[in-house]
Amino acid sequence: MIFPFEHRQNTAYPRKKNLQVFFWLMMMFNSAHCTAEFNGKLSGSITGATDYIWRGYTKSNGKPVVQGNIDYEFISGIFLGSSVSTISFADQGYEDRSTLEFRPYLGFAYQLSDDWRFNAAWTRYLYDGKIFGRSVDYNDFYIYSHFRDLVTLNLNFSENSYNQNHMSFNPEITSRYPVSDSIELSGTLGYNKQKKTLSYDYLYWNSGMTLHFSRHIGIDVRYYGGIYTSTTPHEMSTGWQFSPHVVDHRAVFSMTIGF
């Protein structure tokens, strides 16, 4: 999966436009690679995974995905980049279905002390089509605090989740333990509060192991679980058909190649 902030109308036009923006950004960062070391740090990755699980539910309908990320961090701590992932929601009966999620982002990283780092970021979720017949592009805001690359506290929120006129909140805590230079154990516990948009609130978690074959190649095996904590009564439903089930008892395998 991609974690880019840890520094650590029914026409074809929106689809074409989003793809053009993505490829333009890729070309821009590629042309900057030769001077990146003088002004900051350029990094990127490509990931293949058996599922795209996000905040307690799947964005790929349990199917494999390909994901990519490119990121540039200036010496000042300002960073920007973009990530992209294939997606597949269970809305085959709808026209102009989304198959691609694109996420440009901008943020700032600050070293508070030898032990603590702080990140704040904005991202925009863009889709090349609709999800269950609705346009869903929206903003998300992130605040991270890292302790020695061992613990990360994260709070993200959206003022208009999935463009459905409701806010969402999602606190998370992630812990990591390096067994050796090549093996790392990690786990995440989070709470996805957006039942006004998705019909449910979720408590979710994952745990797994990452094996680094080299500095730029890694394989991750991860177990996901979750439970419902609250549901929206039927009479209060927005009528949107997107109400993803919480993911439980599922293993996901992924391989990442980066630079």
C-alpha atoms as a PDB file:
ATOM      1  CA  MET A   1       0.000   0.000   0.000  1.00  0.00           C
ATOM      2  CA  ILE A   2       1.039   3.605  -0.491  1.00  0.00           C
ATOM      3  CA  PHE A   3       1.742   6.010   2.388  1.00  0.00           C
ATOM      4  CA  PRO A   4       3.035   9.089   0.586  1.00  0.00           C
ATOM      5  CA  PHE A   5       2.968  11.534   3.517  1.00  0.00           C
ATOM      6  CA  GLU A   6       5.254   9.593   5.841  1.00  0.00           C
ATOM      7  CA  HIS A   7       8.647  11.191   5.217  1.00  0.00           C
ATOM      8  CA  ARG A   8       9.641   8.935   5.992  1.00  0.00           C
ATOM      9  CA  GLN A   9     -21.379  15.881 -15.876  1.00  0.00           C
ATOM     10  CA  ASN A  10     -21.313  12.262 -17.528  1.00  0.00           C
ATOM     11  CA  THR A  11     -18.649  12.740 -20.196  1.00  0.00           C
ATOM     12  CA  ALA A  12     -15.244  11.298 -20.899  1.00  0.00           C
ATOM     13  CA  TYR A  13     -13.561  14.651 -20.298  1.00  0.00           C
ATOM     14  CA  PRO A  14     -12.843  14.270 -16.540  1.00  0.00           C
ATOM     15  CA  ARG A  15     -11.219  10.867 -17.148  1.00  0.00           C
ATOM     16  CA  LYS A  16      -8.984  12.233 -19.893  1.00  0.00           C
ATOM     17  CA  LYS A  17      -8.131  15.325 -17.908  1.00  0.00           C
ATOM     18  CA  ASN A  18      -7.071  13.425 -14.788  1.00  0.00           C
ATOM     19  CA  LEU A  19      -4.865  11.084 -16.790  1.00  0.00           C
ATOM     20  CA  GLN A  20      -3.231  14.009 -18.586  1.00  0.00           C
ATOM     21  CA  VAL A  21      -2.462  15.703 -15.277  1.00  0.00           C
ATOM     22  CA  PHE A  22      -0.942  12.505 -13.877  1.00  0.00           C
ATOM     23  CA  PHE A  23       1.340  11.883 -16.853  1.00  0.00           C
ATOM     24  CA  TRP A  24       2.360  15.562 -16.917  1.00  0.00           C
ATOM     25  CA  LEU A  25       3.429  15.307 -13.280  1.00  0.00           C
ATOM     26  CA  MET A  26       5.359  12.122 -13.974  1.00  0.00           C
ATOM     27  CA  MET A  27       7.246  13.809 -16.822  1.00  0.00           C
ATOM     28  CA  MET A  28       7.921  16.885 -14.687  1.00  0.00           C
ATOM     29  CA  PHE A  29       9.449  14.908 -11.845  1.00  0.00           C
ATOM     30  CA  ASN A  30      11.433  12.709 -14.213  1.00  0.00           C
ATOM     31  CA  SER A  31      13.009  15.765 -15.840  1.00  0.00           C
ATOM     32  CA  ALA A  32      13.909  17.076 -12.392  1.00  0.00           C
ATOM     33  CA  HIS A  33      15.701  13.885 -11.368  1.00  0.00           C
ATOM     34  CA  CYS A  34      19.111  15.014 -12.583  1.00  0.00           C
ATOM     35  CA  THR A  35      19.061  18.076 -10.291  1.00  0.00           C
ATOM     36  CA  ALA A  36      17.120  16.605  -7.365  1.00  0.00           C
ATOM     37  CA  GLU A  37      20.172  15.915  -5.217  1.00  0.00           C
ATOM     38  CA  PHE A  38      21.191  19.579  -5.322  1.00  0.00           C
ATOM     39  CA  ASN A  39      17.840  20.965  -4.197  1.00  0.00           C
ATOM     40  CA  GLY A  40      16.093  18.190  -2.298  1.00  0.00           C
ATOM     41  CA  LYS A  41      15.165  14.542  -2.522  1.00  0.00           C
ATOM     42  CA  LEU A  42      13.217  12.769  -5.252  1.00  0.00           C
ATOM     43  CA  SER A  43      11.752   9.336  -4.578  1.00  0.00           C
ATOM     44  CA  GLY A  44       9.198   7.047  -6.135  1.00  0.00           C
ATOM     45  CA  SER A  45       7.761   3.552  -6.015  1.00  0.00           C
ATOM     46  CA  ILE A  46       5.612   1.024  -7.873  1.00  0.00           C
ATOM     47  CA  THR A  47       3.544  -1.514  -5.919  1.00  0.00           C
ATOM     48  CA  GLY A  48       1.568  -4.576  -6.884  1.00  0.00           C
ATOM     49  CA  ALA A  49      -0.920  -5.842  -4.272  1.00  0.00           C
ATOM     50  CA  THR A  50      -3.603  -8.504  -4.014  1.00  0.00           C
ATOM     51  CA  ASP A  51      -6.115  -5.959  -2.649  1.00  0.00           C
ATOM     52  CA  TYR A  52      -6.464  -2.240  -1.942  1.00  0.00           C
ATOM     53  CA  ILE A  53      -7.737  -2.009   1.629  1.00  0.00           C
ATOM     54  CA  TRP A  54      -8.321   1.506   2.901  1.00  0.00           C
ATOM     55  CA  ARG A  55      -9.536   2.533   6.364  1.00  0.00           C
ATOM     56  CA  GLY A  56     -11.408  -0.700   6.966  1.00  0.00           C
ATOM     57  CA  TYR A  57     -12.850  -1.412   3.516  1.00  0.00           C
ATOM     58  CA  THR A  58     -11.639  -2.395   0.057  1.00  0.00           C
ATOM     59  CA  LYS A  59     -11.340  -0.010  -2.873  1.00  0.00           C
ATOM     60  CA  SER A  60     -10.650  -2.802  -5.362  1.00  0.00           C
ATOM     61  CA  ASN A  61     -13.534  -5.174  -4.590  1.00  0.00           C
ATOM     62  CA  GLY A  62     -11.008  -7.757  -3.404  1.00  0.00           C
ATOM     63  CA  LYS A  63      -9.079  -7.679  -6.700  1.00  0.00           C
ATOM     64  CA  PRO A  64      -5.348  -7.087  -7.334  1.00  0.00           C
ATOM     65  CA  VAL A  65      -4.150  -3.536  -7.959  1.00  0.00           C
ATOM     66  CA  VAL A  66      -1.152  -1.660  -9.305  1.00  0.00           C
ATOM     67  CA  GLN A  67      -0.102   1.509  -7.504  1.00  0.00           C
ATOM     68  CA  GLY A  68       2.550   4.152  -8.006  1.00  0.00           C
ATOM     69  CA  ASN A  69       3.886   7.130  -6.104  1.00  0.00           C
ATOM     70  CA  ILE A  70       6.369   9.907  -6.848  1.00  0.00           C
ATOM     71  CA  ASP A  71       7.498  12.447  -4.275  1.00  0.00           C
ATOM     72  CA  TYR A  72       9.840  15.434  -4.083  1.00  0.00           C
ATOM     73  CA  GLU A  73      10.963  16.930  -0.772  1.00  0.00           C
ATOM     74  CA  PHE A  74      12.735  20.286  -0.651  1.00  0.00           C
ATOM     75  CA  ILE A  75      15.474  21.053   1.854  1.00  0.00           C
ATOM     76  CA  SER A  76      13.025  23.398   3.607  1.00  0.00           C
ATOM     77  CA  GLY A  77      10.762  20.423   4.462  1.00  0.00           C
ATOM     78  CA  ILE A  78       8.069  21.244   1.922  1.00  0.00           C
ATOM     79  CA  PHE A  79       7.140  18.181  -0.127  1.00  0.00           C
ATOM     80  CA  LEU A  80       4.793  17.494  -3.014  1.00  0.00           C
ATOM     81  CA  GLY A  81       3.975  14.552  -5.189  1.00  0.00           C
ATOM     82  CA  SER A  82       1.289  12.303  -6.537  1.00  0.00           C
ATOM     83  CA  SER A  83       0.096   8.738  -6.227  1.00  0.00           C
ATOM     84  CA  VAL A  84      -2.134   6.663  -8.432  1.00  0.00           C
ATOM     85  CA  SER A  85      -3.905   3.327  -8.007  1.00  0.00           C
ATOM     86  CA  THR A  86      -6.185   1.112 -10.025  1.00  0.00           C
ATOM     87  CA  ILE A  87      -9.562   0.668  -8.312  1.00  0.00           C
ATOM     88  CA  SER A  88     -12.722  -1.390  -8.751  1.00  0.00           C
ATOM     89  CA  PHE A  89     -15.917  -0.744  -6.836  1.00  0.00           C
ATOM     90  CA  ALA A  90     -18.957  -3.044  -6.962  1.00  0.00           C
ATOM     91  CA  ASP A  91     -20.877  -0.708  -9.271  1.00  0.00           C
ATOM     92  CA  GLN A  92     -20.758  -2.627 -12.565  1.00  0.00           C
ATOM     93  CA  GLY A  93     -24.333  -1.626 -13.410  1.00  0.00           C
ATOM     94  CA  TYR A  94     -23.466   2.076 -13.571  1.00  0.00           C
ATOM     95  CA  GLU A  95     -22.082   4.046 -16.493  1.00  0.00           C
ATOM     96  CA  ASP A  96     -18.810   5.976 -16.354  1.00  0.00           C
ATOM     97  CA  ARG A  97     -17.367   3.789 -13.588  1.00  0.00           C
ATOM     98  CA  SER A  98     -14.080   4.830 -12.026  1.00  0.00           C
ATOM     99  CA  THR A  99     -11.068   2.611 -12.636  1.00  0.00           C
ATOM    100  CA  LEU A 100      -8.329   4.974 -11.454  1.00  0.00           C
ATOM    101  CA  GLU A 101      -7.723   6.967  -8.292  1.00  0.00           C
ATOM    102  CA  PHE A 102      -5.275   9.860  -8.532  1.00  0.00           C
ATOM    103  CA  ARG A 103      -3.956  11.768  -5.505  1.00  0.00           C
ATOM    104  CA  PRO A 104      -1.806  14.903  -5.866  1.00  0.00           C
ATOM    105  CA  TYR A 105      -0.583  16.167  -2.508  1.00  0.00           C
ATOM    106  CA  LEU A 106       1.354  18.984  -0.830  1.00  0.00           C
ATOM    107  CA  GLY A 107       2.745  19.091   2.693  1.00  0.00           C
ATOM    108  CA  PHE A 108       5.383  20.140   5.171  1.00  0.00           C
ATOM    109  CA  ALA A 109       7.737  18.024   7.319  1.00  0.00           C
ATOM    110  CA  TYR A 110       9.398  19.445  10.442  1.00  0.00           C
ATOM    111  CA  GLN A 111      11.988  17.887  12.754  1.00  0.00           C
ATOM    112  CA  LEU A 112      10.833  18.728  16.276  1.00  0.00           C
ATOM    113  CA  SER A 113      13.751  16.965  17.994  1.00  0.00           C
ATOM    114  CA  ASP A 114      16.034  13.974  17.547  1.00  0.00           C
ATOM    115  CA  ASP A 115      13.099  11.725  18.448  1.00  0.00           C
ATOM    116  CA  TRP A 116      10.040  13.507  17.076  1.00  0.00           C
ATOM    117  CA  ARG A 117       9.019  14.570  13.569  1.00  0.00           C
ATOM    118  CA  PHE A 118       5.840  16.323  12.429  1.00  0.00           C
ATOM    119  CA  ASN A 119       4.073  16.247   9.053  1.00  0.00           C
ATOM    120  CA  ALA A 120       1.034  18.133   7.776  1.00  0.00           C
ATOM    121  CA  ALA A 121      -0.385  17.549   4.309  1.00  0.00           C
ATOM    122  CA  TRP A 122      -3.286  18.180   1.942  1.00  0.00           C
ATOM    123  CA  THR A 123      -4.349  15.760  -0.760  1.00  0.00           C
ATOM    124  CA  ARG A 124      -7.078  15.756  -3.385  1.00  0.00           C
ATOM    125  CA  TYR A 125      -8.760  12.462  -4.322  1.00  0.00           C
ATOM    126  CA  LEU A 126      -9.551  12.505  -8.041  1.00  0.00           C
ATOM    127  CA  TYR A 127     -11.331   9.748  -9.958  1.00  0.00           C
ATOM    128  CA  ASP A 128     -11.463   9.137 -13.696  1.00  0.00           C
ATOM    129  CA  GLY A 129     -15.211   8.474 -13.510  1.00  0.00           C
ATOM    130  CA  LYS A 130     -17.977   8.115 -10.943  1.00  0.00           C
ATOM    131  CA  ILE A 131     -18.638   5.780  -8.026  1.00  0.00           C
ATOM    132  CA  PHE A 132     -22.151   4.345  -7.952  1.00  0.00           C
ATOM    133  CA  GLY A 133     -23.266   7.075 -10.337  1.00  0.00           C
ATOM    134  CA  ARG A 134     -21.973  10.062  -8.352  1.00  0.00           C
ATOM    135  CA  SER A 135     -19.031  12.424  -8.735  1.00  0.00           C
ATOM    136  CA  VAL A 136     -16.821  11.921  -5.691  1.00  0.00           C
ATOM    137  CA  ASP A 137     -13.647  14.052  -5.951  1.00  0.00           C
ATOM    138  CA  TYR A 138     -12.781  15.517  -2.536  1.00  0.00           C
ATOM    139  CA  ASN A 139     -10.057  16.940  -0.275  1.00  0.00           C
ATOM    140  CA  ASP A 140      -8.398  15.239   2.669  1.00  0.00           C
ATOM    141  CA  PHE A 141      -6.106  16.762   5.311  1.00  0.00           C
ATOM    142  CA  TYR A 142      -3.441  14.896   7.305  1.00  0.00           C
ATOM    143  CA  ILE A 143      -1.508  15.590  10.501  1.00  0.00           C
ATOM    144  CA  TYR A 144       1.253  13.125  11.428  1.00  0.00           C
ATOM    145  CA  SER A 145       3.609  12.830  14.379  1.00  0.00           C
ATOM    146  CA  HIS A 146       6.461  10.276  14.282  1.00  0.00           C
ATOM    147  CA  PHE A 147       8.508   8.987  17.195  1.00  0.00           C
ATOM    148  CA  ARG A 148      11.884   7.512  16.079  1.00  0.00           C
ATOM    149  CA  ASP A 149      10.229   5.778  13.109  1.00  0.00           C
ATOM    150  CA  LEU A 150       8.760   3.373  15.672  1.00  0.00           C
ATOM    151  CA  VAL A 151       5.355   4.972  16.311  1.00  0.00           C
ATOM    152  CA  THR A 152       3.234   7.199  14.085  1.00  0.00           C
ATOM    153  CA  LEU A 153       0.138   9.073  15.272  1.00  0.00           C
ATOM    154  CA  ASN A 154      -2.101  10.218  12.441  1.00  0.00           C
ATOM    155  CA  LEU A 155      -5.274  12.290  12.255  1.00  0.00           C
ATOM    156  CA  ASN A 156      -6.928  12.953   8.910  1.00  0.00           C
ATOM    157  CA  PHE A 157     -10.213  14.589   8.097  1.00  0.00           C
ATOM    158  CA  SER A 158     -12.265  15.794   5.137  1.00  0.00           C
ATOM    159  CA  GLU A 159     -14.713  18.674   5.070  1.00  0.00           C
ATOM    160  CA  ASN A 160     -16.714  16.938   2.291  1.00  0.00           C
ATOM    161  CA  SER A 161     -15.961  13.228   2.220  1.00  0.00           C
ATOM    162  CA  TYR A 162     -16.521  11.662  -1.215  1.00  0.00           C
ATOM    163  CA  ASN A 163     -18.186  14.961  -2.209  1.00  0.00           C
ATOM    164  CA  GLN A 164     -21.366  13.893  -0.360  1.00  0.00           C
ATOM    165  CA  ASN A 165     -21.699  16.993   1.894  1.00  0.00           C
ATOM    166  CA  HIS A 166     -20.549  15.331   5.123  1.00  0.00           C
ATOM    167  CA  MET A 167     -17.344  15.518   7.131  1.00  0.00           C
ATOM    168  CA  SER A 168     -15.191  12.506   8.026  1.00  0.00           C
ATOM    169  CA  PHE A 169     -12.563  11.855  10.709  1.00  0.00           C
ATOM    170  CA  ASN A 170      -9.995   9.090  10.904  1.00  0.00           C
ATOM    171  CA  PRO A 171      -7.446   8.769  13.755  1.00  0.00           C
ATOM    172  CA  GLU A 172      -4.769   6.069  13.475  1.00  0.00           C
ATOM    173  CA  ILE A 173      -1.788   4.769  15.382  1.00  0.00           C
ATOM    174  CA  THR A 174       0.916   2.682  13.701  1.00  0.00           C
ATOM    175  CA  SER A 175       3.763   0.908  15.468  1.00  0.00           C
ATOM    176  CA  ARG A 176       6.866  -0.683  13.919  1.00  0.00           C
ATOM    177  CA  TYR A 177       9.548  -2.971  15.262  1.00  0.00           C
ATOM    178  CA  PRO A 178      12.695  -3.701  13.225  1.00  0.00           C
ATOM    179  CA  VAL A 179      13.638  -7.313  13.897  1.00  0.00           C
ATOM    180  CA  SER A 180      16.733  -6.904  11.740  1.00  0.00           C
ATOM    181  CA  ASP A 181      18.032  -4.709   8.928  1.00  0.00           C
ATOM    182  CA  SER A 182      15.805  -6.600   6.474  1.00  0.00           C
ATOM    183  CA  ILE A 183      12.725  -7.579   8.545  1.00  0.00           C
ATOM    184  CA  GLU A 184      10.194  -5.243  10.139  1.00  0.00           C
ATOM    185  CA  LEU A 185       7.021  -6.062  12.073  1.00  0.00           C
ATOM    186  CA  SER A 186       4.258  -3.444  12.130  1.00  0.00           C
ATOM    187  CA  GLY A 187       0.603  -2.905  12.940  1.00  0.00           C
ATOM    188  CA  THR A 188      -2.094  -0.234  12.719  1.00  0.00           C
ATOM    189  CA  LEU A 189      -5.226   0.506  14.728  1.00  0.00           C
ATOM    190  CA  GLY A 190      -7.678   3.072  13.355  1.00  0.00           C
ATOM    191  CA  TYR A 191     -11.224   4.372  13.541  1.00  0.00           C
ATOM    192  CA  ASN A 192     -13.068   5.492  10.403  1.00  0.00           C
ATOM    193  CA  LYS A 193     -15.885   7.838  11.362  1.00  0.00           C
ATOM    194  CA  GLN A 194     -17.983   8.652   8.298  1.00  0.00           C
ATOM    195  CA  LYS A 195     -21.278   6.775   8.607  1.00  0.00           C
ATOM    196  CA  LYS A 196     -23.193   9.777   7.214  1.00  0.00           C
ATOM    197  CA  THR A 197     -21.397   9.101   3.928  1.00  0.00           C
ATOM    198  CA  LEU A 198     -20.701   5.332   3.939  1.00  0.00           C
ATOM    199  CA  SER A 199     -23.552   4.170   6.267  1.00  0.00           C
ATOM    200  CA  TYR A 200     -21.076   2.736   8.810  1.00  0.00           C
ATOM    201  CA  ASP A 201     -18.347   3.682  11.260  1.00  0.00           C
ATOM    202  CA  TYR A 202     -15.503   1.159  11.504  1.00  0.00           C
ATOM    203  CA  LEU A 203     -12.868   0.145  13.991  1.00  0.00           C
ATOM    204  CA  TYR A 204     -10.126  -1.513  11.962  1.00  0.00           C
ATOM    205  CA  TRP A 205      -6.653  -2.931  12.402  1.00  0.00           C
ATOM    206  CA  ASN A 206      -3.871  -4.713  10.585  1.00  0.00           C
ATOM    207  CA  SER A 207      -0.620  -6.444  11.462  1.00  0.00           C
ATOM    208  CA  GLY A 208       2.097  -7.848   9.275  1.00  0.00           C
ATOM    209  CA  MET A 209       5.707  -8.229   8.279  1.00  0.00           C
ATOM    210  CA  THR A 210       7.806  -6.443   5.674  1.00  0.00           C
ATOM    211  CA  LEU A 211      10.852  -8.133   4.192  1.00  0.00           C
ATOM    212  CA  HIS A 212      13.404  -5.869   2.501  1.00  0.00           C
ATOM    213  CA  PHE A 213      15.473  -7.712  -0.094  1.00  0.00           C
ATOM    214  CA  SER A 214      17.446  -4.559  -0.775  1.00  0.00           C
ATOM    215  CA  ARG A 215      17.122  -0.830  -0.199  1.00  0.00           C
ATOM    216  CA  HIS A 216      14.642  -0.558  -3.084  1.00  0.00           C
ATOM    217  CA  ILE A 217      12.714  -3.871  -3.079  1.00  0.00           C
ATOM    218  CA  GLY A 218      10.339  -5.087  -0.390  1.00  0.00           C
ATOM    219  CA  ILE A 219       7.569  -7.653   0.131  1.00  0.00           C
ATOM    220  CA  ASP A 220       4.793  -7.161   2.671  1.00  0.00           C
ATOM    221  CA  VAL A 221       2.381  -9.741   4.129  1.00  0.00           C
ATOM    222  CA  ARG A 222      -0.463  -8.241   6.160  1.00  0.00           C
ATOM    223  CA  TYR A 223      -3.600  -9.407   7.950  1.00  0.00           C
ATOM    224  CA  TYR A 224      -6.621  -7.083   8.108  1.00  0.00           C
ATOM    225  CA  GLY A 225      -9.590  -7.072  10.443  1.00  0.00           C
ATOM    226  CA  GLY A 226     -12.374  -4.767  11.538  1.00  0.00           C
ATOM    227  CA  ILE A 227     -15.790  -4.377  13.136  1.00  0.00           C
ATOM    228  CA  TYR A 228     -18.761  -2.045  12.766  1.00  0.00           C
ATOM    229  CA  THR A 229     -19.205   0.363  15.655  1.00  0.00           C
ATOM    230  CA  SER A 230     -22.216   2.334  14.401  1.00  0.00           C
ATOM    231  CA  THR A 231     -24.637   2.308  11.484  1.00  0.00           C
ATOM    232  CA  THR A 232     -26.906   4.893   9.900  1.00  0.00           C
ATOM    233  CA  PRO A 233     -30.646   4.190  10.320  1.00  0.00           C
ATOM    234  CA  HIS A 234     -32.369   3.416   7.017  1.00  0.00           C
ATOM    235  CA  GLU A 235     -34.573   6.511   7.232  1.00  0.00           C
ATOM    236  CA  MET A 236     -31.461   8.721   7.508  1.00  0.00           C
ATOM    237  CA  SER A 237     -29.697   7.166   4.541  1.00  0.00           C
ATOM    238  CA  THR A 238     -28.480   9.496   1.791  1.00  0.00           C
ATOM    239  CA  GLY A 239     -29.638   7.078  -0.894  1.00  0.00           C
ATOM    240  CA  TRP A 240     -26.098   6.580  -2.221  1.00  0.00           C
ATOM    241  CA  GLN A 241     -25.490   2.913  -2.928  1.00  0.00           C
ATOM    242  CA  PHE A 242     -21.845   2.955  -1.841  1.00  0.00           C
ATOM    243  CA  SER A 243     -21.867   1.367   1.641  1.00  0.00           C
ATOM    244  CA  PRO A 244     -18.714  -0.788   1.757  1.00  0.00           C
ATOM    245  CA  HIS A 245     -18.569  -3.712   4.175  1.00  0.00           C
ATOM    246  CA  VAL A 246     -15.824  -3.722   6.759  1.00  0.00           C
ATOM    247  CA  VAL A 247     -12.939  -6.006   5.830  1.00  0.00           C
ATOM    248  CA  ASP A 248     -12.376  -8.890   8.234  1.00  0.00           C
ATOM    249  CA  HIS A 249     -10.052 -11.904   8.204  1.00  0.00           C
ATOM    250  CA  ARG A 250      -8.186 -11.029   5.035  1.00  0.00           C
ATOM    251  CA  ALA A 251      -4.515 -11.384   4.131  1.00  0.00           C
ATOM    252  CA  VAL A 252      -2.923  -9.085   1.570  1.00  0.00           C
ATOM    253  CA  PHE A 253       0.406  -9.584  -0.198  1.00  0.00           C
ATOM    254  CA  SER A 254       2.254  -6.748  -1.878  1.00  0.00           C
ATOM    255  CA  MET A 255       5.598  -6.090  -3.522  1.00  0.00           C
ATOM    256  CA  THR A 256       7.139  -2.638  -3.873  1.00  0.00           C
ATOM    257  CA  ILE A 257      10.028  -1.454  -6.033  1.00  0.00           C
ATOM    258  CA  GLY A 258      11.277   2.041  -5.309  1.00  0.00           C
ATOM    259  CA  PHE A 259      14.060   4.493  -5.913  1.00  0.00           C
END
